[in-house]
């Protein structure tokens, strides 16, 4: 199973990922997109 960031779609060998839960569904987010989730997209 390939890991992809649910925000930007980066593939598993490109970045470091963290697991998160949104709407009861487990998702993966890369560390480059994490600030967008924390602070919102401005």
C-alpha atoms as a PDB file:
ATOM      1  CA  UNK A   1       0.000   0.000   0.000  1.00  0.00           C
ATOM      2  CA  UNK A   2       1.405   3.356  -1.018  1.00  0.00           C
ATOM      3  CA  UNK A   3       1.290   6.149   1.550  1.00  0.00           C
ATOM      4  CA  UNK A   4       0.158   9.516   0.198  1.00  0.00           C
ATOM      5  CA  UNK A   5      -0.516  12.863   1.828  1.00  0.00           C
ATOM      6  CA  UNK A   6      -4.247  13.594   1.703  1.00  0.00           C
ATOM      7  CA  UNK A   7      -3.526  17.326   1.268  1.00  0.00           C
ATOM      8  CA  UNK A   8      -0.882  17.438  -1.505  1.00  0.00           C
ATOM      9  CA  UNK A   9      -0.743  13.814  -2.712  1.00  0.00           C
ATOM     10  CA  UNK A  10       3.027  13.390  -2.193  1.00  0.00           C
ATOM     11  CA  UNK A  11       4.150   9.743  -2.430  1.00  0.00           C
ATOM     12  CA  UNK A  12       5.587   7.782   0.504  1.00  0.00           C
ATOM     13  CA  UNK A  13       9.307   7.946  -0.399  1.00  0.00           C
ATOM     14  CA  UNK A  14       9.318  11.722  -0.825  1.00  0.00           C
ATOM     15  CA  UNK A  15       8.437  12.941   2.691  1.00  0.00           C
ATOM     16  CA  UNK A  16       7.877  12.141   6.367  1.00  0.00           C
ATOM     17  CA  UNK A  17       4.231  11.430   7.297  1.00  0.00           C
ATOM     18  CA  UNK A  18       2.055  11.685  10.386  1.00  0.00           C
ATOM     19  CA  UNK A  19      -1.219   9.917  10.988  1.00  0.00           C
ATOM     20  CA  UNK A  20      -4.306  11.984  11.780  1.00  0.00           C
ATOM     21  CA  UNK A  21      -8.057  11.453  12.063  1.00  0.00           C
ATOM     22  CA  UNK A  22     -10.578  13.623  10.224  1.00  0.00           C
ATOM     23  CA  UNK A  23     -14.290  12.923  10.410  1.00  0.00           C
ATOM     24  CA  UNK A  24     -13.635   9.536  12.004  1.00  0.00           C
ATOM     25  CA  UNK A  25     -11.379   8.458   9.110  1.00  0.00           C
ATOM     26  CA  UNK A  26      -7.632   7.866   9.549  1.00  0.00           C
ATOM     27  CA  UNK A  27      -5.522   9.813   7.054  1.00  0.00           C
ATOM     28  CA  UNK A  28      -1.840  10.544   6.462  1.00  0.00           C
ATOM     29  CA  UNK A  29      -0.405  14.054   6.168  1.00  0.00           C
ATOM     30  CA  UNK A  30       3.161  14.989   5.207  1.00  0.00           C
ATOM     31  CA  UNK A  31       5.112  17.323   7.473  1.00  0.00           C
ATOM     32  CA  UNK A  32       5.152  20.041   4.794  1.00  0.00           C
ATOM     33  CA  UNK A  33       1.331  20.213   4.813  1.00  0.00           C
ATOM     34  CA  UNK A  34       0.991  20.030   8.601  1.00  0.00           C
ATOM     35  CA  UNK A  35       1.226  23.844   9.096  1.00  0.00           C
ATOM     36  CA  UNK A  36      -1.708  24.295   6.688  1.00  0.00           C
ATOM     37  CA  UNK A  37      -3.824  22.009   8.874  1.00  0.00           C
ATOM     38  CA  UNK A  38      -2.739  23.773  12.070  1.00  0.00           C
ATOM     39  CA  UNK A  39      -2.990  27.390  10.889  1.00  0.00           C
ATOM     40  CA  UNK A  40      -5.398  27.098   7.949  1.00  0.00           C
ATOM     41  CA  UNK A  41      -4.746  28.007   4.335  1.00  0.00           C
ATOM     42  CA  UNK A  42      -4.486  31.800   4.130  1.00  0.00           C
END
